Amino acid sequence: MAEDSSFAARVRAAARSSWQSTFVTVAALLYARLWGASIEFEPTLRLFLATGMSHGFARAGTTVGGVFLTRRYPSDKLIRHESVHADQWARYGVAFPIRYWLEELRNPRELNRFEVDAGLAEGGYI
């Protein structure tokens, strides 16, 4: 059977089949387009990469749903790190950013359990 490479199939893959993450992924893709991003799909780690953005993301980049929003094309290590954040979006749905920022307030940067789970070295924290 041939692999379905349609846009809808890629969105489902990037969103990890979570309906909340699917909604957020589509919104993030629209947002990235508005900021003039180039968008491509990384099929192995099931993540959209929205590169070339000058604004609209935190730190070196931000994963929203199944989309990594960033300025420069990321390294393979960083793509793996951000892919874990896409998994976290699928697990926690729209509550994920609230959980993330509450954790960030208590345990900033490399102490944040969501960053630890995603891999500190791969994310450029250490």
Protein backbone atom coordinates (compact mmCIF):
# COMPACT_ATOMS: atom_id res chain seq x y z
CA MET A 1 0.00 0.00 0.00
CA ALA A 2 1.38 3.43 -0.93
CA GLU A 3 2.09 5.96 1.79
CA ASP A 4 -0.44 8.81 1.91
CA SER A 5 1.56 12.01 1.45
CA SER A 6 -1.44 14.34 1.25
CA PHE A 7 -1.53 17.51 3.34
CA ALA A 8 -4.23 16.02 5.58
CA ALA A 9 -2.14 12.90 6.21
CA ARG A 10 0.88 15.02 7.09
CA VAL A 11 -1.17 17.12 9.49
CA ARG A 12 -2.50 13.95 11.17
CA ALA A 13 1.05 12.60 11.43
CA ALA A 14 2.47 15.85 12.82
CA ALA A 15 -0.39 16.16 15.29
CA ARG A 16 0.08 12.54 16.39
CA SER A 17 -3.65 11.96 15.68
CA SER A 18 -4.74 14.08 18.64
CA TRP A 19 -7.76 16.22 17.66
CA GLN A 20 -6.60 19.14 19.83
CA SER A 21 -3.08 18.95 18.43
CA THR A 22 -4.54 18.74 14.91
CA PHE A 23 -6.45 21.98 15.44
CA VAL A 24 -3.38 23.71 16.89
CA THR A 25 -1.14 22.36 14.10
CA VAL A 26 -3.40 23.79 11.38
CA ALA A 27 -3.56 27.13 13.24
CA ALA A 28 0.25 27.16 13.58
CA LEU A 29 0.69 26.45 9.86
CA LEU A 30 -1.61 29.37 9.01
CA TYR A 31 0.25 31.58 11.50
CA ALA A 32 3.60 30.58 9.98
CA ARG A 33 2.33 31.38 6.48
CA LEU A 34 1.20 34.83 7.66
CA TRP A 35 4.75 35.45 8.92
CA GLY A 36 6.16 34.40 5.53
CA ALA A 37 7.68 31.10 6.64
CA SER A 38 8.86 28.39 4.28
CA ILE A 39 7.14 25.21 5.37
CA GLU A 40 8.27 21.65 4.83
CA PHE A 41 7.39 18.33 6.40
CA GLU A 42 10.01 16.11 8.06
CA PRO A 43 8.44 12.65 7.60
CA THR A 44 10.71 10.58 9.84
CA LEU A 45 9.99 12.62 12.98
CA ARG A 46 6.58 13.77 11.74
CA LEU A 47 7.15 17.49 12.22
CA PHE A 48 6.45 20.52 10.07
CA LEU A 49 9.37 22.96 9.93
CA ALA A 50 8.39 26.60 9.45
CA THR A 51 11.66 28.42 8.77
CA GLY A 52 12.58 31.93 7.72
CA MET A 53 10.43 33.66 10.32
CA SER A 54 11.79 36.91 11.71
CA HIS A 55 9.33 37.09 14.65
CA GLY A 56 6.53 35.18 16.27
CA PHE A 57 8.35 32.56 18.31
CA ALA A 58 10.28 32.30 21.59
CA ARG A 59 13.98 31.65 22.10
CA ALA A 60 15.51 29.99 19.03
CA GLY A 61 12.16 28.54 18.01
CA THR A 62 8.86 27.23 19.33
CA THR A 63 6.89 24.08 18.63
CA VAL A 64 3.16 24.65 18.40
CA GLY A 65 1.23 21.45 17.84
CA GLY A 66 3.20 19.62 15.17
CA VAL A 67 4.94 22.73 13.77
CA PHE A 68 8.38 24.06 14.70
CA LEU A 69 8.44 27.84 14.15
CA THR A 70 11.95 29.26 13.77
CA ARG A 71 14.26 31.59 11.86
CA ARG A 72 16.97 29.22 10.61
CA TYR A 73 16.77 25.66 9.40
CA PRO A 74 17.36 23.52 12.53
CA SER A 75 19.94 20.81 13.06
CA ASP A 76 18.87 17.17 13.14
CA LYS A 77 19.41 17.19 16.91
CA LEU A 78 17.10 20.15 17.38
CA ILE A 79 14.46 18.60 15.13
CA ARG A 80 14.52 15.48 17.34
CA HIS A 81 14.18 17.68 20.46
CA GLU A 82 11.25 19.62 18.99
CA SER A 83 9.59 16.40 17.85
CA VAL A 84 9.31 15.41 21.52
CA HIS A 85 7.54 18.72 22.18
CA ALA A 86 5.07 17.80 19.41
CA ASP A 87 4.47 14.53 21.29
CA GLN A 88 3.85 16.59 24.45
CA TRP A 89 1.31 18.73 22.58
CA ALA A 90 -0.49 15.55 21.51
CA ARG A 91 -0.43 14.16 25.05
CA TYR A 92 -1.65 17.28 26.86
CA GLY A 93 -3.58 19.06 24.10
CA VAL A 94 -4.29 22.75 24.43
CA ALA A 95 -3.34 22.58 28.12
CA PHE A 96 0.28 21.95 27.15
CA PRO A 97 1.40 25.61 26.91
CA ILE A 98 -0.14 26.33 30.31
CA ARG A 99 1.59 23.30 31.83
CA TYR A 100 4.84 24.26 30.12
CA TRP A 101 4.84 27.86 31.37
CA LEU A 102 3.83 26.90 34.92
CA GLU A 103 6.74 24.46 34.92
CA GLU A 104 8.98 27.19 33.46
CA LEU A 105 8.02 29.54 36.31
CA ARG A 106 8.93 26.90 38.92
CA ASN A 107 11.90 25.36 37.10
CA PRO A 108 13.30 27.60 34.38
CA ARG A 109 15.16 26.55 31.24
CA GLU A 110 17.25 23.40 31.73
CA LEU A 111 15.32 22.50 34.90
CA ASN A 112 11.97 22.46 33.08
CA ARG A 113 10.82 18.82 33.00
CA PHE A 114 9.39 19.22 29.49
CA GLU A 115 12.81 20.34 28.26
CA VAL A 116 14.52 17.57 30.20
CA ASP A 117 12.18 15.01 28.62
CA ALA A 118 12.92 16.43 25.15
CA GLY A 119 16.68 16.19 25.72
CA LEU A 120 18.69 19.10 27.05
CA ALA A 121 21.73 18.52 24.84
CA GLU A 122 19.64 18.15 21.69
CA GLY A 123 17.76 21.35 22.55
CA GLY A 124 20.99 23.30 23.04
CA TYR A 125 20.55 23.78 26.78
CA ILE A 126 23.87 22.15 27.70
